[in-house]
Amino acid sequence: MSATASKKADPVATREITLVRTIAAPRELVFRMWTEREHLAQWWGPHSFTNPVCEIDARAGGKILIHMRAPDGAVHVMDGVIHEVVSNERIVFTTSVDAGGQRVLEGHNVVTFEDVGGKTKLTVQAQATGFVEIAKAMLAGMEAGWTQTLERLDAHAVQCTPGGHA
């Protein structure tokens, strides 16, 4: 299939979720955890995943690139574009996953940060569209994947707050 034909592929599945979590860390720190690669690499992805490549240019038009290594050694490459950054308040970005030159998934994500008495109310709105059959299974696991990712963020935040290490 040519790149042009791939871009015109019809969706086979879509999914939308919203997750809200209170992180026991100041909003400024939690925001940095989303916008600084040193932090992002420590928590992005489901449990037991690592991120040997993690790049982010946290400004409108900036790029994001993460190579997520699964426990079995398989590497899943996700790239995307940052569309909006409002310091300590909001990040909007799109992501895509390709395999063998074929578009697999595209996502649109809105993350908001709200100060709640020195803690951070984090809201993640994620919408994804799959373009190949395997994407249906990926979308079925989307909420579990995001939940585990936010659990890792929460644990990293605890480590980086007073009494932990940054």
N, C-alpha and C. Protein backbone atom coordinates (compact mmCIF):
# COMPACT_ATOMS: atom_id res chain seq x y z
N MET A 1 0.85 -1.17 0.00
CA MET A 1 0.00 0.00 0.00
C MET A 1 0.90 1.23 0.00
N SER A 2 0.59 2.19 -0.83
CA SER A 2 1.40 3.41 -0.89
C SER A 2 1.10 4.29 0.32
N ALA A 3 2.01 5.23 0.60
CA ALA A 3 1.82 6.15 1.72
C ALA A 3 0.54 6.95 1.53
N THR A 4 0.26 7.33 0.30
CA THR A 4 -0.95 8.11 0.03
C THR A 4 -2.19 7.28 0.34
N ALA A 5 -2.21 6.04 -0.09
CA ALA A 5 -3.36 5.19 0.17
C ALA A 5 -3.51 4.95 1.67
N SER A 6 -2.37 4.78 2.36
CA SER A 6 -2.42 4.55 3.81
C SER A 6 -3.06 5.72 4.53
N LYS A 7 -2.74 6.95 4.12
CA LYS A 7 -3.27 8.13 4.78
C LYS A 7 -4.78 8.25 4.58
N LYS A 8 -5.31 7.64 3.52
CA LYS A 8 -6.73 7.74 3.24
C LYS A 8 -7.52 6.56 3.81
N ALA A 9 -6.85 5.66 4.53
CA ALA A 9 -7.53 4.48 5.07
C ALA A 9 -8.66 4.90 6.00
N ASP A 10 -9.74 4.16 5.92
CA ASP A 10 -10.89 4.42 6.79
C ASP A 10 -10.62 3.84 8.17
N PRO A 11 -11.12 4.50 9.21
CA PRO A 11 -10.97 3.97 10.57
C PRO A 11 -11.70 2.63 10.72
N VAL A 12 -11.11 1.74 11.53
CA VAL A 12 -11.77 0.48 11.85
C VAL A 12 -12.33 0.52 13.27
N ALA A 13 -11.84 1.47 14.09
CA ALA A 13 -12.32 1.57 15.47
C ALA A 13 -11.91 2.93 16.04
N THR A 14 -12.71 3.41 16.98
CA THR A 14 -12.38 4.64 17.70
C THR A 14 -12.69 4.42 19.18
N ARG A 15 -12.04 5.21 20.01
CA ARG A 15 -12.27 5.11 21.45
C ARG A 15 -11.95 6.46 22.07
N GLU A 16 -12.71 6.81 23.08
CA GLU A 16 -12.50 8.06 23.80
C GLU A 16 -12.61 7.77 25.29
N ILE A 17 -11.66 8.28 26.08
CA ILE A 17 -11.72 8.11 27.53
C ILE A 17 -11.32 9.42 28.20
N THR A 18 -11.78 9.58 29.42
CA THR A 18 -11.37 10.69 30.27
C THR A 18 -11.00 10.10 31.62
N LEU A 19 -9.79 10.42 32.08
CA LEU A 19 -9.31 9.96 33.38
C LEU A 19 -8.97 11.17 34.23
N VAL A 20 -9.38 11.13 35.50
CA VAL A 20 -9.09 12.21 36.43
C VAL A 20 -8.36 11.59 37.61
N ARG A 21 -7.27 12.22 38.01
CA ARG A 21 -6.46 11.70 39.11
C ARG A 21 -5.90 12.88 39.89
N THR A 22 -5.83 12.74 41.20
CA THR A 22 -5.17 13.74 42.03
C THR A 22 -3.77 13.24 42.35
N ILE A 23 -2.79 14.03 41.94
CA ILE A 23 -1.38 13.69 42.15
C ILE A 23 -0.89 14.47 43.37
N ALA A 24 -0.26 13.80 44.30
CA ALA A 24 0.21 14.43 45.54
C ALA A 24 1.53 15.16 45.31
N ALA A 25 1.48 16.14 44.41
CA ALA A 25 2.65 16.96 44.10
C ALA A 25 2.14 18.29 43.54
N PRO A 26 2.95 19.35 43.69
CA PRO A 26 2.53 20.66 43.17
C PRO A 26 2.33 20.64 41.65
N ARG A 27 1.39 21.44 41.22
CA ARG A 27 1.04 21.52 39.79
C ARG A 27 2.26 21.82 38.92
N GLU A 28 3.14 22.73 39.35
CA GLU A 28 4.32 23.09 38.54
C GLU A 28 5.21 21.87 38.30
N LEU A 29 5.37 21.04 39.33
CA LEU A 29 6.19 19.83 39.20
C LEU A 29 5.52 18.82 38.27
N VAL A 30 4.24 18.60 38.44
CA VAL A 30 3.54 17.64 37.59
C VAL A 30 3.58 18.09 36.14
N PHE A 31 3.42 19.38 35.91
CA PHE A 31 3.51 19.91 34.54
C PHE A 31 4.89 19.63 33.95
N ARG A 32 5.95 19.86 34.73
CA ARG A 32 7.31 19.59 34.25
C ARG A 32 7.50 18.11 33.91
N MET A 33 6.81 17.25 34.64
CA MET A 33 6.92 15.82 34.37
C MET A 33 6.36 15.45 33.01
N TRP A 34 5.47 16.27 32.48
CA TRP A 34 4.93 16.07 31.14
C TRP A 34 5.75 16.76 30.06
N THR A 35 6.56 17.74 30.44
CA THR A 35 7.21 18.56 29.42
C THR A 35 8.74 18.44 29.40
N GLU A 36 9.32 17.75 30.35
CA GLU A 36 10.78 17.55 30.39
C GLU A 36 11.08 16.08 30.17
N ARG A 37 11.90 15.80 29.17
CA ARG A 37 12.16 14.41 28.79
C ARG A 37 12.74 13.58 29.91
N GLU A 38 13.55 14.21 30.78
CA GLU A 38 14.15 13.46 31.88
C GLU A 38 13.08 12.88 32.80
N HIS A 39 12.02 13.61 33.01
CA HIS A 39 10.90 13.11 33.80
C HIS A 39 10.03 12.16 32.98
N LEU A 40 9.65 12.58 31.79
CA LEU A 40 8.73 11.82 30.95
C LEU A 40 9.22 10.39 30.73
N ALA A 41 10.51 10.23 30.52
CA ALA A 41 11.09 8.90 30.28
C ALA A 41 10.94 7.98 31.48
N GLN A 42 10.79 8.54 32.66
CA GLN A 42 10.71 7.73 33.88
C GLN A 42 9.33 7.10 34.10
N TRP A 43 8.28 7.69 33.52
CA TRP A 43 6.95 7.20 33.86
C TRP A 43 6.05 6.87 32.68
N TRP A 44 6.39 7.26 31.47
CA TRP A 44 5.48 7.08 30.33
C TRP A 44 5.30 5.59 30.02
N GLY A 45 4.08 5.20 29.79
CA GLY A 45 3.78 3.83 29.36
C GLY A 45 3.29 2.95 30.49
N PRO A 46 2.76 1.80 30.11
CA PRO A 46 2.26 0.85 31.11
C PRO A 46 3.36 0.32 32.02
N HIS A 47 2.94 -0.34 33.11
CA HIS A 47 3.88 -0.95 34.05
C HIS A 47 4.89 -1.83 33.30
N SER A 48 6.12 -1.83 33.75
CA SER A 48 7.20 -2.66 33.23
C SER A 48 7.74 -2.21 31.87
N PHE A 49 7.23 -1.12 31.32
CA PHE A 49 7.78 -0.59 30.08
C PHE A 49 8.90 0.39 30.42
N THR A 50 9.88 0.50 29.55
CA THR A 50 10.92 1.52 29.67
C THR A 50 10.89 2.36 28.40
N ASN A 51 11.61 3.48 28.44
CA ASN A 51 11.60 4.41 27.31
C ASN A 51 13.04 4.76 26.92
N PRO A 52 13.72 3.88 26.17
CA PRO A 52 15.11 4.14 25.82
C PRO A 52 15.30 5.38 24.96
N VAL A 53 14.26 5.77 24.22
CA VAL A 53 14.27 7.02 23.47
C VAL A 53 13.06 7.81 23.94
N CYS A 54 13.31 9.03 24.40
CA CYS A 54 12.21 9.88 24.85
C CYS A 54 12.61 11.33 24.56
N GLU A 55 11.94 11.92 23.60
CA GLU A 55 12.23 13.29 23.20
C GLU A 55 10.93 14.08 23.18
N ILE A 56 11.01 15.31 23.68
CA ILE A 56 9.84 16.19 23.63
C ILE A 56 10.30 17.63 23.49
N ASP A 57 9.67 18.35 22.60
CA ASP A 57 9.88 19.77 22.43
C ASP A 57 8.54 20.40 22.79
N ALA A 58 8.40 20.76 24.07
CA ALA A 58 7.10 21.14 24.64
C ALA A 58 6.73 22.59 24.30
N ARG A 59 6.45 22.80 23.04
CA ARG A 59 5.95 24.09 22.58
C ARG A 59 5.06 23.81 21.37
N ALA A 60 4.17 24.73 21.07
CA ALA A 60 3.29 24.54 19.92
C ALA A 60 4.12 24.28 18.67
N GLY A 61 3.82 23.20 17.99
CA GLY A 61 4.57 22.80 16.81
C GLY A 61 5.74 21.87 17.13
N GLY A 62 6.04 21.70 18.41
CA GLY A 62 7.13 20.81 18.81
C GLY A 62 6.77 19.36 18.62
N LYS A 63 7.78 18.53 18.59
CA LYS A 63 7.59 17.10 18.34
C LYS A 63 7.74 16.30 19.64
N ILE A 64 7.14 15.12 19.63
CA ILE A 64 7.32 14.15 20.69
C ILE A 64 7.67 12.82 20.02
N LEU A 65 8.63 12.11 20.59
CA LEU A 65 9.03 10.80 20.08
C LEU A 65 9.39 9.93 21.28
N ILE A 66 8.70 8.81 21.41
CA ILE A 66 8.98 7.88 22.50
C ILE A 66 9.05 6.47 21.94
N HIS A 67 10.14 5.78 22.25
CA HIS A 67 10.28 4.36 21.95
C HIS A 67 9.99 3.61 23.24
N MET A 68 8.84 2.98 23.33
CA MET A 68 8.46 2.24 24.54
C MET A 68 8.89 0.78 24.38
N ARG A 69 9.74 0.34 25.31
CA ARG A 69 10.21 -1.05 25.27
C ARG A 69 9.38 -1.88 26.24
N ALA A 70 8.71 -2.89 25.69
CA ALA A 70 7.88 -3.80 26.47
C ALA A 70 8.76 -4.78 27.24
N PRO A 71 8.21 -5.43 28.25
CA PRO A 71 8.98 -6.42 29.00
C PRO A 71 9.58 -7.53 28.13
N ASP A 72 8.92 -7.86 27.01
CA ASP A 72 9.43 -8.90 26.11
C ASP A 72 10.51 -8.39 25.16
N GLY A 73 10.86 -7.09 25.28
CA GLY A 73 11.89 -6.50 24.45
C GLY A 73 11.38 -5.81 23.19
N ALA A 74 10.12 -6.02 22.85
CA ALA A 74 9.55 -5.37 21.67
C ALA A 74 9.52 -3.86 21.89
N VAL A 75 9.84 -3.10 20.85
CA VAL A 75 9.84 -1.65 20.95
C VAL A 75 8.66 -1.10 20.14
N HIS A 76 7.89 -0.26 20.80
CA HIS A 76 6.72 0.37 20.18
C HIS A 76 7.01 1.86 20.05
N VAL A 77 7.06 2.33 18.83
CA VAL A 77 7.41 3.72 18.56
C VAL A 77 6.15 4.56 18.45
N MET A 78 6.13 5.66 19.21
CA MET A 78 5.04 6.61 19.16
C MET A 78 5.64 7.98 18.88
N ASP A 79 5.09 8.66 17.90
CA ASP A 79 5.54 10.03 17.68
C ASP A 79 4.33 10.94 17.61
N GLY A 80 4.59 12.23 17.63
CA GLY A 80 3.47 13.14 17.59
C GLY A 80 3.89 14.59 17.55
N VAL A 81 2.90 15.45 17.69
CA VAL A 81 3.10 16.89 17.61
C VAL A 81 2.38 17.55 18.78
N ILE A 82 3.06 18.51 19.39
CA ILE A 82 2.46 19.32 20.44
C ILE A 82 1.70 20.45 19.75
N HIS A 83 0.44 20.63 20.09
CA HIS A 83 -0.37 21.67 19.44
C HIS A 83 -0.59 22.89 20.33
N GLU A 84 -0.61 22.68 21.64
CA GLU A 84 -0.85 23.80 22.54
C GLU A 84 -0.18 23.51 23.88
N VAL A 85 0.46 24.53 24.43
CA VAL A 85 1.04 24.44 25.77
C VAL A 85 0.71 25.73 26.50
N VAL A 86 -0.01 25.61 27.60
CA VAL A 86 -0.27 26.73 28.49
C VAL A 86 0.40 26.33 29.80
N SER A 87 1.49 27.01 30.13
CA SER A 87 2.32 26.62 31.26
C SER A 87 1.50 26.34 32.52
N ASN A 88 1.73 25.16 33.09
CA ASN A 88 1.09 24.70 34.33
C ASN A 88 -0.42 24.52 34.23
N GLU A 89 -0.99 24.61 33.03
CA GLU A 89 -2.44 24.50 32.89
C GLU A 89 -2.91 23.46 31.89
N ARG A 90 -2.25 23.38 30.71
CA ARG A 90 -2.84 22.58 29.64
C ARG A 90 -1.79 22.20 28.60
N ILE A 91 -1.91 20.97 28.11
CA ILE A 91 -1.10 20.49 26.99
C ILE A 91 -2.05 19.76 26.04
N VAL A 92 -1.95 20.07 24.76
CA VAL A 92 -2.72 19.38 23.73
C VAL A 92 -1.72 18.81 22.74
N PHE A 93 -1.82 17.50 22.48
CA PHE A 93 -0.90 16.89 21.53
C PHE A 93 -1.56 15.73 20.80
N THR A 94 -1.06 15.45 19.61
CA THR A 94 -1.51 14.29 18.85
C THR A 94 -0.37 13.29 18.81
N THR A 95 -0.74 12.03 18.67
CA THR A 95 0.24 10.96 18.59
C THR A 95 -0.12 10.05 17.44
N SER A 96 0.88 9.30 16.97
CA SER A 96 0.60 8.30 15.94
C SER A 96 1.53 7.11 16.14
N VAL A 97 1.02 5.98 15.72
CA VAL A 97 1.77 4.74 15.73
C VAL A 97 1.68 4.18 14.33
N ASP A 98 2.85 3.88 13.74
CA ASP A 98 2.92 3.28 12.42
C ASP A 98 3.67 1.96 12.54
N ALA A 99 3.37 1.04 11.66
CA ALA A 99 4.10 -0.23 11.62
C ALA A 99 4.30 -0.61 10.16
N GLY A 100 5.53 -0.80 9.77
CA GLY A 100 5.82 -1.19 8.40
C GLY A 100 5.32 -0.19 7.38
N GLY A 101 5.37 1.10 7.73
CA GLY A 101 4.92 2.14 6.82
C GLY A 101 3.41 2.29 6.76
N GLN A 102 2.69 1.56 7.60
CA GLN A 102 1.23 1.64 7.61
C GLN A 102 0.75 2.32 8.88
N ARG A 103 -0.18 3.24 8.74
CA ARG A 103 -0.76 3.93 9.89
C ARG A 103 -1.59 2.94 10.70
N VAL A 104 -1.28 2.83 12.00
CA VAL A 104 -2.00 1.92 12.89
C VAL A 104 -2.99 2.68 13.75
N LEU A 105 -2.49 3.71 14.45
CA LEU A 105 -3.31 4.48 15.38
C LEU A 105 -2.98 5.95 15.29
N GLU A 106 -3.97 6.77 15.56
CA GLU A 106 -3.75 8.19 15.77
C GLU A 106 -4.52 8.59 17.02
N GLY A 107 -3.91 9.45 17.83
CA GLY A 107 -4.56 9.89 19.05
C GLY A 107 -4.55 11.40 19.18
N HIS A 108 -5.54 11.90 19.87
CA HIS A 108 -5.62 13.32 20.21
C HIS A 108 -5.80 13.38 21.72
N ASN A 109 -4.91 14.12 22.40
CA ASN A 109 -4.88 14.13 23.85
C ASN A 109 -4.90 15.55 24.40
N VAL A 110 -5.73 15.75 25.43
CA VAL A 110 -5.79 17.02 26.11
C VAL A 110 -5.55 16.72 27.59
N VAL A 111 -4.50 17.35 28.15
CA VAL A 111 -4.14 17.14 29.55
C VAL A 111 -4.27 18.48 30.25
N THR A 112 -5.04 18.52 31.35
CA THR A 112 -5.19 19.76 32.11
C THR A 112 -4.69 19.54 33.53
N PHE A 113 -4.18 20.61 34.11
CA PHE A 113 -3.56 20.61 35.43
C PHE A 113 -4.26 21.67 36.28
N GLU A 114 -4.78 21.27 37.43
CA GLU A 114 -5.47 22.20 38.32
C GLU A 114 -4.88 22.09 39.71
N ASP A 115 -4.53 23.25 40.30
CA ASP A 115 -4.01 23.27 41.66
C ASP A 115 -5.14 23.03 42.64
N VAL A 116 -4.95 22.03 43.51
CA VAL A 116 -5.94 21.71 44.53
C VAL A 116 -5.19 21.58 45.86
N GLY A 117 -5.02 22.72 46.54
CA GLY A 117 -4.37 22.72 47.84
C GLY A 117 -2.97 22.13 47.85
N GLY A 118 -2.16 22.48 46.87
CA GLY A 118 -0.79 21.99 46.81
C GLY A 118 -0.65 20.66 46.10
N LYS A 119 -1.77 20.04 45.76
CA LYS A 119 -1.77 18.83 44.95
C LYS A 119 -2.23 19.21 43.55
N THR A 120 -2.23 18.25 42.64
CA THR A 120 -2.62 18.54 41.26
C THR A 120 -3.75 17.63 40.83
N LYS A 121 -4.85 18.25 40.41
CA LYS A 121 -5.92 17.50 39.77
C LYS A 121 -5.56 17.43 38.29
N LEU A 122 -5.31 16.23 37.83
CA LEU A 122 -4.89 15.99 36.46
C LEU A 122 -6.04 15.34 35.70
N THR A 123 -6.40 15.92 34.57
CA THR A 123 -7.44 15.35 33.73
C THR A 123 -6.84 15.03 32.36
N VAL A 124 -6.99 13.79 31.93
CA VAL A 124 -6.51 13.36 30.62
C VAL A 124 -7.71 12.96 29.79
N GLN A 125 -7.89 13.65 28.68
CA GLN A 125 -8.92 13.30 27.71
C GLN A 125 -8.19 12.75 26.50
N ALA A 126 -8.41 11.47 26.21
CA ALA A 126 -7.71 10.81 25.12
C ALA A 126 -8.72 10.24 24.14
N GLN A 127 -8.48 10.55 22.89
CA GLN A 127 -9.33 10.05 21.82
C GLN A 127 -8.40 9.38 20.81
N ALA A 128 -8.73 8.17 20.39
CA ALA A 128 -7.86 7.47 19.45
C ALA A 128 -8.68 6.81 18.35
N THR A 129 -8.06 6.73 17.19
CA THR A 129 -8.66 6.11 16.02
C THR A 129 -7.69 5.07 15.50
N GLY A 130 -8.20 3.86 15.24
CA GLY A 130 -7.39 2.79 14.68
C GLY A 130 -7.71 2.59 13.22
N PHE A 131 -6.67 2.20 12.46
CA PHE A 131 -6.83 2.07 11.01
C PHE A 131 -6.56 0.67 10.48
N VAL A 132 -6.13 -0.25 11.35
CA VAL A 132 -5.90 -1.64 10.95
C VAL A 132 -6.51 -2.53 12.03
N GLU A 133 -6.74 -3.79 11.71
CA GLU A 133 -7.44 -4.70 12.62
C GLU A 133 -6.78 -4.79 14.00
N ILE A 134 -5.46 -4.85 14.08
CA ILE A 134 -4.78 -4.97 15.37
C ILE A 134 -5.08 -3.77 16.28
N ALA A 135 -5.43 -2.65 15.67
CA ALA A 135 -5.75 -1.45 16.45
C ALA A 135 -6.97 -1.66 17.34
N LYS A 136 -7.88 -2.55 16.95
CA LYS A 136 -9.06 -2.82 17.78
C LYS A 136 -8.64 -3.33 19.15
N ALA A 137 -7.69 -4.24 19.20
CA ALA A 137 -7.20 -4.77 20.48
C ALA A 137 -6.44 -3.69 21.25
N MET A 138 -5.69 -2.86 20.53
CA MET A 138 -4.96 -1.78 21.19
C MET A 138 -5.94 -0.80 21.84
N LEU A 139 -6.99 -0.46 21.15
CA LEU A 139 -7.98 0.46 21.69
C LEU A 139 -8.76 -0.17 22.85
N ALA A 140 -8.96 -1.47 22.81
CA ALA A 140 -9.64 -2.15 23.92
C ALA A 140 -8.83 -2.02 25.20
N GLY A 141 -7.49 -1.94 25.08
CA GLY A 141 -6.62 -1.80 26.24
C GLY A 141 -6.24 -0.37 26.56
N MET A 142 -6.85 0.58 25.88
CA MET A 142 -6.46 1.99 26.04
C MET A 142 -6.65 2.50 27.46
N GLU A 143 -7.79 2.22 28.07
CA GLU A 143 -8.02 2.73 29.42
C GLU A 143 -7.04 2.10 30.41
N ALA A 144 -6.80 0.82 30.30
CA ALA A 144 -5.85 0.15 31.19
C ALA A 144 -4.44 0.72 30.99
N GLY A 145 -4.06 0.96 29.75
CA GLY A 145 -2.73 1.53 29.47
C GLY A 145 -2.57 2.91 30.06
N TRP A 146 -3.56 3.77 29.86
CA TRP A 146 -3.50 5.12 30.43
C TRP A 146 -3.53 5.07 31.95
N THR A 147 -4.34 4.17 32.51
CA THR A 147 -4.41 4.06 33.98
C THR A 147 -3.04 3.68 34.54
N GLN A 148 -2.40 2.69 33.95
CA GLN A 148 -1.07 2.29 34.41
C GLN A 148 -0.05 3.41 34.22
N THR A 149 -0.16 4.12 33.12
CA THR A 149 0.75 5.24 32.87
C THR A 149 0.60 6.30 33.96
N LEU A 150 -0.63 6.63 34.31
CA LEU A 150 -0.85 7.64 35.35
C LEU A 150 -0.44 7.13 36.73
N GLU A 151 -0.55 5.84 36.96
CA GLU A 151 -0.04 5.27 38.22
C GLU A 151 1.48 5.45 38.30
N ARG A 152 2.16 5.27 37.18
CA ARG A 152 3.61 5.47 37.15
C ARG A 152 3.96 6.94 37.34
N LEU A 153 3.16 7.83 36.75
CA LEU A 153 3.36 9.27 36.96
C LEU A 153 3.22 9.60 38.44
N ASP A 154 2.18 9.08 39.06
CA ASP A 154 1.93 9.33 40.48
C ASP A 154 3.12 8.87 41.33
N ALA A 155 3.63 7.68 41.05
CA ALA A 155 4.77 7.14 41.80
C ALA A 155 6.02 8.00 41.58
N HIS A 156 6.22 8.45 40.35
CA HIS A 156 7.38 9.31 40.06
C HIS A 156 7.24 10.65 40.79
N ALA A 157 6.03 11.19 40.83
CA ALA A 157 5.80 12.46 41.53
C ALA A 157 6.13 12.32 43.00
N VAL A 158 5.74 11.21 43.62
CA VAL A 158 6.03 10.98 45.03
C VAL A 158 7.55 10.98 45.25
N GLN A 159 8.29 10.35 44.36
CA GLN A 159 9.75 10.31 44.47
C GLN A 159 10.38 11.69 44.36
N CYS A 160 9.73 12.58 43.63
CA CYS A 160 10.31 13.89 43.34
C CYS A 160 9.83 15.00 44.27
N THR A 161 8.99 14.68 45.21
CA THR A 161 8.53 15.69 46.17
C THR A 161 9.40 15.64 47.41
N PRO A 162 9.34 16.67 48.26
CA PRO A 162 10.17 16.68 49.47
C PRO A 162 10.12 15.36 50.22
N GLY A 163 11.31 14.91 50.60
CA GLY A 163 11.42 13.60 51.26
C GLY A 163 11.81 12.53 50.27
N GLY A 164 11.59 12.77 48.99
CA GLY A 164 12.00 11.85 47.95
C GLY A 164 13.24 12.39 47.28
N HIS A 165 13.38 12.19 45.99
CA HIS A 165 14.52 12.76 45.26
C HIS A 165 14.03 13.25 43.89
N ALA A 166 14.70 14.25 43.37
CA ALA A 166 14.30 14.80 42.06
C ALA A 166 15.32 14.43 41.01
